[in-house]
Amino acid sequence: MASKLAVYDTGYEDELFQYPVGPSFHCCICTNVIKDPVMCQQNEHIFCRACVTRHLVNFQTCPTCMEPLTVETLSQAPRGIRNLLAELKIRCEFFDRGCGKFIDLGDLERHVTECGFAPAVCSNEGCQLEVNKQDLLHHETSVCELRRVQCHSCKDIRQEMDTVKVNLAAMNEKLDRNEKHFERVEENLKRNEENVKAEVKNAVAKVDLVQEQLNKQEESNCQLIADNVEMKKSLNEIMKQLERITQQTSHEEQAEETKKGIAEADGLDRDPKVVIAGGWNGKRLNSVEVFSLSTEMWTLLQPMEVHREGVSSVVYNNQLFVIGGFVKTMEKLSLNDVHVDQSIPWENVPAGLPEKLAGHCSVVYNGRLIVIGGYVADKCAYSDSITEISLVQPYTSKLLTTMPQTRCYHGVAIFGDKILIVGGRKMLESRSVLRSVVMYDIAKNECQGLAPLPYPVCEMATVKWDDDNVIIMGGADSNGKILNKVLMYNIKTQKSRMLPDMKYKRSGCVAAVVRDTVIVMGGLDERSNYLNSVESFRFNSYMWQECPGMLERRCRATVVVC
């Protein structure tokens, strides 16, 4: 029996599921959500297979109805129950490594084998670093300091090495010639010695002459040997120099590849900045400030020429365009200059809105500015218009279409050639706050209604998170209550799920996404205080954290990331 038990686990813990699971799907033995459901034949009581199998080791009855029961008489749970369990949304077991997905329980095993956040070990010799599966190739080929690299910028060194090799070959050739000459000299010496010995008896008179010749020859041989020793020393020195050049080349190659890998991993801009402009704190503001993520400090930029409240903004050609805010005008600021000179002034834009607008939203699509809804100040009315404005000459504007409802202080996010429009207020009364969601197709120039939000909301912060989701933060409901709720809406499934609440209740707040972080700024709290507080959320920590506050309190401002 012990070997049978080893292959089963008890049920799934409740906190792993996206939504609460009903009591009917809980095992009465382990109290967790049932895993591998089986039942007794008599009264169809359902348990985890592992739990009831352990129970039957000591007892031969059903733990609920006490009817006779054995492992052999256990039955598989009905298909309907198994199907319902398989459709429950459960968190990936690699959530603590960064996977934020909820998967159908029936697909969990397949997902775990394919999950990009599963641990994987670097195969480079001597590394053994554990990274996420999806990052393994990048780590092994671009980041790992122990990877094998190839030099692409050592032309001069290679030329120098080739020259050294040529010189080395010439010296080897000379050494070979000297050695052959030495061999010939030794042969001559031997012949001379033999000749001298043969002639000693007959030519004593010639001994002195022969001896003198021998002495000279010996001196020549000693000099030749000394030359050979010196040449060998030079050859060893050249070999050492060649080895140092090779090592230096390898180190330079590795340093260059490491720098390149870091630049590719971090991106070109290691210090993205958040720019917030305008707003209201009892009066309309023209102040502008920028937040640096590297220093975690706010710095004032040059103020706008016009005080603006309920303003919108876009980034086009690396310029920040600020649009409307109870005025028709626009002005712009070069984001390239923000990184270098924070005293760069704002410039007026010849293009303008057809009417004085506030509480509107704007996006850029293929170089065209698209303005959606808002409050028309001159008419004291809410707009249902979707208007296109040219940012280049002749600065024309035209009405594209109208939405099914008027909207002000709503939220938008652009997905390719489609614009998602959520929430907002359709008239001045607070009960007119909307739950509705509309998708505007730019190519087809038509609006389509989607599934509504779970609650009405306006004056909230809205950001695009990925290709399928938007995040909606704070705002006010139809009773005028200020919220700290956070909601994620999926445009494909049209379903919503709640994220952890913000630390502060905020209406008229703004938000930006920087890398993997959502940053929420300013707003108005439940006691009508204007806020300068800032907080951020990361999915890997799944909690909100307080950030350095802005220099000025403000709500109904506008924000971009540069």
Protein backbone atom coordinates (compact mmCIF):
# COMPACT_ATOMS: atom_id res chain seq x y z
CA MET A 1 0.00 0.00 0.00
CA ALA A 2 2.89 2.37 0.78
CA SER A 3 4.11 2.30 -2.85
CA LYS A 4 0.60 3.20 -4.03
CA LEU A 5 0.38 6.19 -1.71
CA ALA A 6 3.67 7.60 -2.94
CA VAL A 7 2.23 8.58 -6.34
CA TYR A 8 -0.61 10.79 -4.97
CA ASP A 9 -0.75 14.21 -3.30
CA THR A 10 -3.47 15.82 -1.22
CA GLY A 11 -5.76 18.55 -2.66
CA TYR A 12 -4.93 22.06 -3.90
CA GLU A 13 -4.81 24.94 -1.39
CA ASP A 14 -7.57 27.56 -1.81
CA GLU A 15 -5.21 30.56 -2.16
CA LEU A 16 -3.83 29.13 -5.42
CA PHE A 17 -7.13 29.78 -7.24
CA GLN A 18 -8.14 32.99 -8.95
CA TYR A 19 -11.65 32.93 -7.50
CA PRO A 20 -13.07 31.30 -4.35
CA VAL A 21 -13.98 27.61 -4.85
CA GLY A 22 -17.31 26.35 -3.52
CA PRO A 23 -17.47 23.89 -0.60
CA SER A 24 -18.83 21.14 -2.88
CA PHE A 25 -15.38 20.86 -4.45
CA HIS A 26 -13.48 20.47 -1.18
CA CYS A 27 -12.27 17.14 0.18
CA CYS A 28 -13.68 16.48 3.69
CA ILE A 29 -10.42 14.75 4.68
CA CYS A 30 -7.73 17.35 3.74
CA THR A 31 -10.24 20.32 3.43
CA ASN A 32 -8.43 21.42 0.24
CA VAL A 33 -9.83 21.60 -3.31
CA ILE A 34 -10.19 17.99 -4.57
CA LYS A 35 -7.33 16.51 -6.60
CA ASP A 36 -7.93 13.36 -8.70
CA PRO A 37 -11.56 12.95 -7.46
CA VAL A 38 -12.95 9.48 -6.59
CA MET A 39 -16.16 8.48 -4.77
CA CYS A 40 -17.73 5.72 -2.76
CA GLN A 41 -20.18 3.58 -4.73
CA GLN A 42 -22.92 3.55 -2.11
CA ASN A 43 -23.65 7.28 -1.58
CA GLU A 44 -21.23 8.92 -4.08
CA HIS A 45 -19.26 10.90 -1.51
CA ILE A 46 -16.25 12.48 -3.25
CA PHE A 47 -12.66 12.67 -1.94
CA CYS A 48 -9.08 13.18 -3.19
CA ARG A 49 -7.77 9.79 -4.31
CA ALA A 50 -4.67 10.14 -2.11
CA CYS A 51 -6.64 11.20 0.98
CA VAL A 52 -9.20 8.37 0.88
CA THR A 53 -6.51 5.82 -0.04
CA ARG A 54 -4.57 6.72 3.11
CA HIS A 55 -7.81 6.51 5.12
CA LEU A 56 -8.54 3.02 3.81
CA VAL A 57 -5.17 1.76 5.05
CA ASN A 58 -6.63 1.72 8.57
CA PHE A 59 -10.38 1.74 7.95
CA GLN A 60 -12.56 -0.15 5.46
CA THR A 61 -15.51 2.28 5.47
CA CYS A 62 -16.42 5.57 3.77
CA PRO A 63 -15.32 8.44 6.13
CA THR A 64 -18.64 10.23 5.47
CA CYS A 65 -21.44 7.60 5.35
CA MET A 66 -19.50 4.76 7.10
CA GLU A 67 -20.63 2.27 4.45
CA PRO A 68 -18.16 -0.52 3.54
CA LEU A 69 -15.43 0.73 1.17
CA THR A 70 -12.06 -0.46 -0.13
CA VAL A 71 -9.48 0.88 -2.60
CA GLU A 72 -10.76 -1.63 -5.18
CA THR A 73 -14.41 -0.45 -4.84
CA LEU A 74 -13.56 3.26 -5.28
CA SER A 75 -15.18 4.76 -8.40
CA GLN A 76 -14.07 7.66 -10.57
CA ALA A 77 -16.06 10.88 -9.98
CA PRO A 78 -18.72 11.79 -12.60
CA ARG A 79 -17.44 13.48 -15.75
CA GLY A 80 -19.41 16.65 -14.99
CA ILE A 81 -17.60 17.15 -11.67
CA ARG A 82 -14.23 16.39 -13.26
CA ASN A 83 -14.98 18.91 -16.05
CA LEU A 84 -15.98 21.63 -13.55
CA LEU A 85 -12.79 21.03 -11.56
CA ALA A 86 -10.71 21.14 -14.76
CA GLU A 87 -12.14 24.60 -15.60
CA LEU A 88 -11.14 26.19 -12.27
CA LYS A 89 -8.46 28.88 -12.70
CA ILE A 90 -5.33 28.07 -10.70
CA ARG A 91 -2.06 29.95 -10.34
CA CYS A 92 1.09 28.63 -12.04
CA GLU A 93 3.46 26.94 -9.56
CA PHE A 94 6.22 29.24 -10.85
CA PHE A 95 4.38 32.35 -9.69
CA ASP A 96 7.21 33.21 -7.26
CA ARG A 97 9.59 33.25 -10.27
CA GLY A 98 7.45 35.80 -12.16
CA CYS A 99 4.66 33.85 -13.93
CA GLY A 100 1.43 35.72 -13.24
CA LYS A 101 -0.87 33.48 -15.28
CA PHE A 102 -3.95 31.65 -14.02
CA ILE A 103 -4.52 28.42 -15.95
CA ASP A 104 -7.38 25.98 -16.24
CA LEU A 105 -6.70 23.26 -13.65
CA GLY A 106 -6.95 20.65 -16.41
CA ASP A 107 -4.15 22.39 -18.32
CA LEU A 108 -1.86 22.95 -15.30
CA GLU A 109 0.50 20.02 -15.94
CA ARG A 110 0.97 20.98 -19.61
CA HIS A 111 1.52 24.64 -18.74
CA VAL A 112 4.14 23.81 -16.09
CA THR A 113 6.18 21.83 -18.63
CA GLU A 114 6.03 24.74 -21.11
CA CYS A 115 6.18 27.73 -18.71
CA GLY A 116 8.90 30.27 -19.57
CA PHE A 117 9.45 30.93 -15.86
CA ALA A 118 10.47 27.33 -15.10
CA PRO A 119 14.04 27.09 -13.72
CA ALA A 120 16.77 26.24 -16.21
CA VAL A 121 20.53 25.87 -15.64
CA CYS A 122 23.13 27.58 -17.86
CA SER A 123 25.01 25.00 -19.93
CA ASN A 124 28.16 27.08 -20.25
CA GLU A 125 31.06 25.24 -18.63
CA GLY A 126 31.66 26.43 -15.07
CA CYS A 127 28.51 28.62 -14.80
CA GLN A 128 25.61 26.49 -13.46
CA LEU A 129 23.52 29.67 -12.90
CA GLU A 130 19.77 29.01 -12.61
CA VAL A 131 17.60 31.37 -14.72
CA ASN A 132 14.07 31.33 -16.14
CA LYS A 133 13.64 29.03 -19.14
CA GLN A 134 12.61 31.94 -21.37
CA ASP A 135 15.83 33.81 -20.47
CA LEU A 136 18.18 30.82 -20.90
CA LEU A 137 19.17 31.40 -24.56
CA HIS A 138 19.81 35.12 -23.97
CA HIS A 139 21.87 34.37 -20.86
CA GLU A 140 23.95 31.61 -22.50
CA THR A 141 24.69 33.61 -25.68
CA SER A 142 24.79 37.25 -24.54
CA VAL A 143 25.11 37.67 -20.75
CA CYS A 144 27.05 34.75 -19.25
CA GLU A 145 30.64 35.71 -18.54
CA LEU A 146 31.71 32.10 -19.18
CA ARG A 147 30.25 31.89 -22.69
CA ARG A 148 32.51 31.36 -25.67
CA VAL A 149 32.96 34.58 -27.65
CA GLN A 150 34.54 35.51 -30.94
CA CYS A 151 36.55 38.71 -31.45
CA HIS A 152 35.30 41.01 -34.22
CA SER A 153 37.57 43.99 -33.70
CA CYS A 154 41.17 42.76 -33.51
CA LYS A 155 42.40 43.42 -37.05
CA ASP A 156 45.46 45.42 -35.96
CA ILE A 157 46.48 42.88 -33.33
CA ARG A 158 46.08 40.02 -35.81
CA GLN A 159 48.28 41.91 -38.29
CA GLU A 160 50.90 42.38 -35.57
CA MET A 161 50.66 38.67 -34.70
CA ASP A 162 51.10 37.78 -38.40
CA THR A 163 54.24 39.99 -38.55
CA VAL A 164 55.63 38.34 -35.43
CA LYS A 165 54.93 34.91 -36.93
CA VAL A 166 56.79 35.88 -40.15
CA ASN A 167 59.78 37.15 -38.13
CA LEU A 168 59.70 34.01 -36.02
CA ALA A 169 59.74 31.84 -39.13
CA ALA A 170 62.72 33.82 -40.49
CA MET A 171 64.63 33.37 -37.23
CA ASN A 172 63.85 29.66 -37.21
CA GLU A 173 65.16 29.42 -40.76
CA LYS A 174 68.35 31.27 -39.76
CA LEU A 175 68.75 29.01 -36.73
CA ASP A 176 68.42 25.97 -38.97
CA ARG A 177 71.10 27.33 -41.32
CA ASN A 178 73.44 28.01 -38.37
CA GLU A 179 72.91 24.54 -36.99
CA LYS A 180 73.69 23.01 -40.39
CA HIS A 181 76.78 25.19 -40.64
CA PHE A 182 77.84 24.08 -37.17
CA GLU A 183 77.43 20.48 -38.21
CA ARG A 184 79.57 21.09 -41.28
CA VAL A 185 82.19 22.83 -39.11
CA GLU A 186 82.26 19.89 -36.72
CA GLU A 187 82.75 17.55 -39.65
CA ASN A 188 85.58 19.71 -40.95
CA LEU A 189 87.13 19.81 -37.49
CA LYS A 190 87.11 16.07 -37.28
CA ARG A 191 88.71 15.78 -40.71
CA ASN A 192 91.32 18.35 -39.75
CA GLU A 193 92.13 16.56 -36.54
CA GLU A 194 92.54 13.30 -38.43
CA ASN A 195 94.74 14.99 -41.01
CA VAL A 196 96.85 16.57 -38.28
CA LYS A 197 97.32 13.25 -36.54
CA ALA A 198 98.29 11.63 -39.82
CA GLU A 199 100.79 14.36 -40.64
CA VAL A 200 102.26 14.81 -37.10
CA LYS A 201 104.85 12.18 -37.67
CA ASN A 202 105.93 13.66 -40.96
CA ALA A 203 105.34 17.43 -40.33
CA VAL A 204 106.40 18.42 -36.83
CA ALA A 205 107.37 21.77 -38.24
CA LYS A 206 103.79 22.42 -39.20
CA VAL A 207 102.37 21.77 -35.68
CA ASP A 208 102.40 25.42 -34.64
CA LEU A 209 100.56 26.46 -37.81
CA VAL A 210 97.96 23.73 -37.43
CA GLN A 211 97.50 24.58 -33.73
CA GLU A 212 96.92 28.22 -34.61
CA GLN A 213 94.31 27.22 -37.17
CA LEU A 214 92.63 25.01 -34.61
CA ASN A 215 92.51 27.83 -32.05
CA LYS A 216 90.88 30.17 -34.56
CA GLN A 217 88.40 27.53 -35.54
CA GLU A 218 87.54 26.90 -31.88
CA GLU A 219 86.96 30.62 -31.29
CA SER A 220 84.66 30.67 -34.31
CA ASN A 221 82.76 27.69 -32.95
CA CYS A 222 82.38 29.32 -29.51
CA GLN A 223 81.03 32.49 -31.10
CA LEU A 224 78.60 30.42 -33.15
CA ILE A 225 77.41 28.60 -30.03
CA ALA A 226 77.02 31.93 -28.19
CA ASP A 227 74.99 33.28 -31.13
CA ASN A 228 72.75 30.22 -31.02
CA VAL A 229 72.15 30.64 -27.25
CA GLU A 230 71.30 34.33 -27.72
CA MET A 231 68.97 33.47 -30.58
CA LYS A 232 67.15 30.90 -28.43
CA LYS A 233 66.71 33.53 -25.70
CA SER A 234 65.23 35.94 -28.23
CA LEU A 235 62.95 33.20 -29.51
CA ASN A 236 61.65 32.51 -25.97
CA GLU A 237 61.03 36.22 -25.41
CA ILE A 238 59.07 36.43 -28.65
CA MET A 239 56.98 33.42 -27.62
CA LYS A 240 56.17 35.09 -24.27
CA GLN A 241 55.26 38.33 -26.04
CA LEU A 242 52.99 36.42 -28.42
CA GLU A 243 51.26 34.72 -25.46
CA ARG A 244 50.68 38.10 -23.72
CA ILE A 245 49.18 39.55 -26.92
CA THR A 246 46.87 36.54 -27.24
CA GLN A 247 45.70 36.84 -23.60
CA GLN A 248 45.17 40.60 -23.97
CA THR A 249 43.11 40.02 -27.12
CA SER A 250 40.95 37.43 -25.35
CA HIS A 251 40.33 39.75 -22.38
CA GLU A 252 39.42 42.67 -24.65
CA GLU A 253 37.05 40.45 -26.62
CA GLN A 254 35.32 39.25 -23.44
CA ALA A 255 35.03 42.82 -22.06
CA GLU A 256 33.55 44.08 -25.34
CA GLU A 257 31.03 41.22 -25.50
CA THR A 258 30.06 41.76 -21.84
CA LYS A 259 29.42 45.47 -22.46
CA LYS A 260 27.39 44.64 -25.53
CA GLY A 261 25.31 42.06 -23.61
CA ILE A 262 24.59 44.55 -20.80
CA ALA A 263 23.54 47.21 -23.30
CA GLU A 264 21.18 44.78 -25.05
CA ALA A 265 19.66 43.53 -21.77
CA ASP A 266 19.08 46.99 -20.24
CA GLY A 267 18.03 48.77 -23.44
CA LEU A 268 19.48 52.02 -24.84
CA ASP A 269 18.02 54.22 -22.10
CA ARG A 270 18.95 53.05 -18.60
CA ASP A 271 17.14 55.98 -16.93
CA PRO A 272 13.58 56.38 -18.23
CA LYS A 273 11.84 59.46 -16.87
CA VAL A 274 8.22 60.25 -15.98
CA VAL A 275 7.01 63.75 -16.93
CA ILE A 276 3.78 65.13 -15.34
CA ALA A 277 2.24 68.46 -16.41
CA GLY A 278 -0.63 70.78 -15.45
CA GLY A 279 -3.63 69.87 -13.31
CA TRP A 280 -5.64 71.46 -10.49
CA ASN A 281 -5.03 72.07 -6.77
CA GLY A 282 -7.58 74.83 -6.17
CA LYS A 283 -6.27 76.63 -9.24
CA ARG A 284 -5.18 75.60 -12.72
CA LEU A 285 -1.50 74.70 -12.97
CA ASN A 286 1.15 75.21 -15.62
CA SER A 287 3.96 73.58 -13.64
CA VAL A 288 5.85 70.56 -15.03
CA GLU A 289 8.07 68.13 -13.13
CA VAL A 290 10.09 65.04 -14.05
CA PHE A 291 10.86 61.92 -12.00
CA SER A 292 14.11 59.99 -12.53
CA LEU A 293 13.91 56.27 -11.67
CA SER A 294 17.68 56.05 -11.20
CA THR A 295 17.89 58.85 -8.59
CA GLU A 296 14.25 58.58 -7.34
CA MET A 297 14.05 62.38 -7.37
CA TRP A 298 11.52 64.88 -8.77
CA THR A 299 12.86 67.96 -10.60
CA LEU A 300 10.98 70.99 -11.94
CA LEU A 301 11.09 71.65 -15.70
CA GLN A 302 10.21 74.91 -17.43
CA PRO A 303 6.47 75.66 -16.88
CA MET A 304 3.99 75.58 -19.77
CA GLU A 305 2.87 78.91 -21.21
CA VAL A 306 -0.80 78.13 -20.42
CA HIS A 307 -2.40 76.90 -17.16
CA ARG A 308 -4.25 73.67 -17.97
CA GLU A 309 -6.66 71.37 -16.07
CA GLY A 310 -8.20 68.11 -17.33
CA VAL A 311 -5.47 68.06 -19.96
CA SER A 312 -4.34 65.19 -22.25
CA SER A 313 -0.96 64.46 -23.82
CA VAL A 314 0.77 62.28 -26.43
CA VAL A 315 4.36 61.60 -27.50
CA TYR A 316 5.05 62.10 -31.23
CA ASN A 317 8.51 62.23 -32.90
CA ASN A 318 10.02 62.19 -29.37
CA GLN A 319 8.17 65.40 -28.51
CA LEU A 320 5.63 65.77 -25.69
CA PHE A 321 2.40 67.39 -26.96
CA VAL A 322 0.04 68.78 -24.25
CA ILE A 323 -3.52 69.24 -25.57
CA GLY A 324 -6.42 71.34 -24.26
CA GLY A 325 -7.34 71.69 -20.60
CA PHE A 326 -10.22 74.24 -20.82
CA VAL A 327 -8.43 75.79 -23.84
CA LYS A 328 -8.15 74.98 -27.57
CA THR A 329 -4.38 75.36 -27.78
CA MET A 330 -1.51 72.87 -27.73
CA GLU A 331 2.15 73.23 -26.81
CA LYS A 332 5.11 70.89 -27.09
CA LEU A 333 8.46 70.07 -25.45
CA SER A 334 11.40 68.14 -26.90
CA LEU A 335 11.98 64.98 -24.80
CA ASN A 336 15.52 64.69 -26.19
CA ASP A 337 16.34 68.02 -24.52
CA VAL A 338 14.83 66.97 -21.16
CA HIS A 339 17.70 64.50 -20.68
CA VAL A 340 20.31 67.19 -21.36
CA ASP A 341 18.90 70.61 -20.44
CA GLN A 342 15.95 71.01 -18.07
CA SER A 343 15.59 74.71 -18.88
CA ILE A 344 14.33 74.15 -22.46
CA PRO A 345 11.16 76.27 -22.98
CA TRP A 346 7.82 75.04 -24.35
CA GLU A 347 6.78 75.84 -27.94
CA ASN A 348 3.31 76.71 -29.23
CA VAL A 349 1.82 74.25 -31.75
CA PRO A 350 0.01 75.79 -34.75
CA ALA A 351 -2.58 72.98 -34.63
CA GLY A 352 -5.48 73.31 -32.20
CA LEU A 353 -8.71 71.72 -30.97
CA PRO A 354 -12.00 72.67 -32.66
CA GLU A 355 -13.41 73.60 -29.22
CA LYS A 356 -12.20 74.29 -25.67
CA LEU A 357 -11.95 70.81 -24.12
CA ALA A 358 -11.19 69.30 -20.72
CA GLY A 359 -11.47 65.72 -19.40
CA HIS A 360 -10.84 64.37 -22.92
CA CYS A 361 -8.39 61.62 -24.01
CA SER A 362 -5.87 61.61 -26.87
CA VAL A 363 -3.78 59.02 -28.77
CA VAL A 364 -1.45 59.15 -31.78
CA TYR A 365 -2.01 56.71 -34.67
CA ASN A 366 0.20 56.79 -37.80
CA GLY A 367 1.13 60.42 -37.14
CA ARG A 368 -2.49 61.50 -36.59
CA LEU A 369 -3.79 62.90 -33.31
CA ILE A 370 -7.13 61.33 -32.32
CA VAL A 371 -9.11 63.16 -29.59
CA ILE A 372 -11.95 61.30 -27.82
CA GLY A 373 -14.87 62.87 -25.88
CA GLY A 374 -14.43 65.45 -23.10
CA TYR A 375 -16.20 68.47 -21.61
CA VAL A 376 -16.89 71.31 -24.10
CA ALA A 377 -16.32 74.41 -21.94
CA ASP A 378 -18.05 76.96 -24.21
CA LYS A 379 -21.23 74.85 -24.44
CA CYS A 380 -21.19 73.39 -20.87
CA ALA A 381 -21.87 70.01 -22.52
CA TYR A 382 -20.22 66.59 -22.75
CA SER A 383 -18.90 65.37 -26.11
CA ASP A 384 -19.43 62.08 -27.95
CA SER A 385 -17.01 63.00 -30.77
CA ILE A 386 -13.96 61.14 -32.01
CA THR A 387 -11.94 63.76 -33.93
CA GLU A 388 -8.74 63.56 -36.01
CA ILE A 389 -6.28 66.50 -35.94
CA SER A 390 -3.20 66.84 -38.16
CA LEU A 391 0.01 67.75 -36.32
CA VAL A 392 1.64 68.97 -39.57
CA GLN A 393 0.54 71.53 -42.10
CA PRO A 394 -2.21 72.36 -43.00
CA TYR A 395 -3.22 71.47 -39.37
CA THR A 396 -6.71 70.36 -40.34
CA SER A 397 -9.26 68.64 -38.10
CA LYS A 398 -12.23 66.46 -38.98
CA LEU A 399 -14.90 64.48 -37.15
CA LEU A 400 -14.34 60.74 -37.63
CA THR A 401 -17.40 59.35 -35.84
CA THR A 402 -19.45 59.60 -32.64
CA MET A 403 -19.57 57.24 -29.66
CA PRO A 404 -22.83 55.64 -28.48
CA GLN A 405 -22.65 57.92 -25.37
CA THR A 406 -21.11 61.22 -24.38
CA ARG A 407 -18.05 60.77 -22.14
CA CYS A 408 -15.82 62.91 -19.94
CA TYR A 409 -12.95 61.96 -17.58
CA HIS A 410 -12.88 58.46 -19.08
CA GLY A 411 -9.89 56.23 -19.92
CA VAL A 412 -8.41 55.00 -23.21
CA ALA A 413 -5.69 52.59 -24.40
CA ILE A 414 -4.61 51.89 -27.99
CA PHE A 415 -4.08 48.31 -29.23
CA GLY A 416 -2.74 48.35 -32.80
CA ASP A 417 -5.48 50.00 -34.90
CA LYS A 418 -8.11 49.78 -32.15
CA ILE A 419 -8.78 52.17 -29.25
CA LEU A 420 -10.36 50.87 -26.02
CA ILE A 421 -12.60 53.46 -24.28
CA VAL A 422 -13.68 52.71 -20.69
CA GLY A 423 -15.86 54.31 -18.01
CA GLY A 424 -16.22 58.07 -17.57
CA ARG A 425 -19.19 60.34 -16.94
CA LYS A 426 -21.90 61.09 -19.54
CA MET A 427 -23.34 64.20 -17.81
CA LEU A 428 -22.73 66.42 -14.76
CA GLU A 429 -24.75 64.30 -12.28
CA SER A 430 -22.68 61.79 -10.33
CA ARG A 431 -25.21 59.02 -11.01
CA SER A 432 -24.31 59.29 -14.69
CA VAL A 433 -20.97 57.52 -14.14
CA LEU A 434 -20.54 54.73 -16.72
CA ARG A 435 -19.61 51.03 -16.60
CA SER A 436 -19.69 50.66 -20.38
CA VAL A 437 -16.68 49.70 -22.53
CA VAL A 438 -16.38 50.60 -26.24
CA MET A 439 -13.80 49.48 -28.84
CA TYR A 440 -13.24 51.98 -31.67
CA ASP A 441 -11.83 50.41 -34.87
CA ILE A 442 -9.76 53.11 -36.60
CA ALA A 443 -9.55 51.24 -39.92
CA LYS A 444 -13.29 50.57 -40.09
CA ASN A 445 -14.20 53.88 -38.37
CA GLU A 446 -16.83 52.23 -36.17
CA CYS A 447 -17.53 51.61 -32.49
CA GLN A 448 -18.40 48.26 -30.94
CA GLY A 449 -19.68 47.68 -27.40
CA LEU A 450 -17.80 45.20 -25.18
CA ALA A 451 -18.68 43.59 -21.83
CA PRO A 452 -19.02 46.32 -19.16
CA LEU A 453 -16.77 46.95 -16.13
CA PRO A 454 -17.88 45.35 -12.82
CA TYR A 455 -18.57 48.83 -11.34
CA PRO A 456 -19.11 52.39 -12.67
CA VAL A 457 -16.04 54.63 -12.49
CA CYS A 458 -14.76 57.99 -13.75
CA GLU A 459 -11.67 60.21 -13.21
CA MET A 460 -9.55 57.08 -12.85
CA ALA A 461 -6.01 56.36 -14.11
CA THR A 462 -5.90 53.97 -17.09
CA VAL A 463 -2.78 52.33 -18.59
CA LYS A 464 -2.15 49.64 -21.20
CA TRP A 465 -0.31 46.73 -19.51
CA ASP A 466 0.35 44.30 -22.37
CA ASP A 467 -1.16 43.26 -25.71
CA ASP A 468 -4.39 42.04 -24.06
CA ASN A 469 -4.95 44.01 -20.82
CA VAL A 470 -5.55 47.46 -19.38
CA ILE A 471 -5.28 48.40 -15.70
CA ILE A 472 -7.81 50.83 -14.18
CA MET A 473 -6.85 52.49 -10.87
CA GLY A 474 -8.82 54.60 -8.40
CA GLY A 475 -11.43 57.15 -9.58
CA ALA A 476 -14.94 57.86 -8.27
CA ASP A 477 -18.13 55.74 -8.48
CA SER A 478 -21.75 56.75 -9.16
CA ASN A 479 -22.20 57.83 -5.51
CA GLY A 480 -19.19 60.16 -5.66
CA LYS A 481 -17.18 57.78 -3.46
CA ILE A 482 -13.40 58.01 -3.99
CA LEU A 483 -11.86 54.58 -4.74
CA ASN A 484 -8.57 52.81 -4.25
CA LYS A 485 -9.68 49.75 -6.27
CA VAL A 486 -7.45 48.35 -9.02
CA LEU A 487 -8.99 46.40 -11.90
CA MET A 488 -7.44 44.52 -14.86
CA TYR A 489 -9.67 44.20 -17.98
CA ASN A 490 -8.83 41.71 -20.77
CA ILE A 491 -9.91 42.92 -24.22
CA LYS A 492 -9.98 39.40 -25.70
CA THR A 493 -11.99 37.60 -23.03
CA GLN A 494 -13.79 40.83 -21.94
CA LYS A 495 -13.40 39.64 -18.35
CA SER A 496 -12.21 41.61 -15.33
CA ARG A 497 -10.20 40.63 -12.28
CA MET A 498 -9.29 42.64 -9.21
CA LEU A 499 -5.70 43.40 -8.24
CA PRO A 500 -4.53 44.51 -4.74
CA ASP A 501 -5.97 47.88 -3.62
CA MET A 502 -3.75 50.98 -3.71
CA LYS A 503 -2.53 52.44 -0.41
CA TYR A 504 -4.45 55.70 -1.02
CA LYS A 505 -7.89 56.52 -2.41
CA ARG A 506 -7.46 58.72 -5.49
CA SER A 507 -9.76 60.48 -7.97
CA GLY A 508 -8.31 62.45 -10.87
CA CYS A 509 -5.02 60.56 -10.57
CA VAL A 510 -2.69 59.66 -13.47
CA ALA A 511 -0.50 56.60 -14.09
CA ALA A 512 2.38 55.41 -16.26
CA VAL A 513 4.05 52.05 -16.97
CA VAL A 514 7.85 51.98 -16.74
CA ARG A 515 9.34 48.58 -17.64
CA ASP A 516 7.59 46.16 -15.26
CA THR A 517 6.24 48.81 -12.86
CA VAL A 518 2.94 50.73 -12.74
CA ILE A 519 3.36 54.19 -11.13
CA VAL A 520 0.30 56.16 -9.90
CA MET A 521 0.56 59.88 -9.06
CA GLY A 522 -1.51 62.59 -7.38
CA GLY A 523 -5.31 62.93 -7.34
CA LEU A 524 -7.94 63.94 -4.79
CA ASP A 525 -8.57 61.80 -1.67
CA GLU A 526 -11.81 61.05 0.24
CA ARG A 527 -11.30 64.16 2.43
CA SER A 528 -10.96 66.42 -0.65
CA ASN A 529 -7.22 66.83 -0.12
CA TYR A 530 -5.06 67.33 -3.19
CA LEU A 531 -2.28 64.70 -3.24
CA ASN A 532 1.38 64.77 -4.17
CA SER A 533 1.84 61.14 -3.10
CA VAL A 534 3.16 58.49 -5.52
CA GLU A 535 2.94 54.70 -5.29
CA SER A 536 4.03 51.82 -7.53
CA PHE A 537 2.99 48.20 -8.19
CA ARG A 538 4.96 45.22 -9.50
CA PHE A 539 3.40 41.87 -10.29
CA ASN A 540 6.42 39.97 -8.95
CA SER A 541 5.85 41.43 -5.46
CA TYR A 542 2.06 41.74 -5.96
CA MET A 543 1.83 44.74 -3.63
CA TRP A 544 1.84 48.55 -3.73
CA GLN A 545 4.87 50.44 -2.45
CA GLU A 546 5.19 54.15 -1.62
CA CYS A 547 7.51 56.27 -3.80
CA PRO A 548 8.99 59.78 -3.33
CA GLY A 549 6.21 62.39 -3.54
CA MET A 550 5.88 65.06 -6.25
CA LEU A 551 7.03 68.60 -5.59
CA GLU A 552 3.48 69.95 -6.11
CA ARG A 553 0.03 68.57 -5.21
CA ARG A 554 -2.15 68.06 -8.27
CA CYS A 555 -5.10 66.20 -9.78
CA ARG A 556 -6.48 66.03 -13.34
CA ALA A 557 -2.92 66.34 -14.70
CA THR A 558 -1.34 64.46 -17.61
CA VAL A 559 1.70 62.17 -17.66
CA VAL A 560 4.05 60.50 -20.18
CA VAL A 561 7.18 58.32 -20.02
CA CYS A 562 10.25 59.45 -21.95
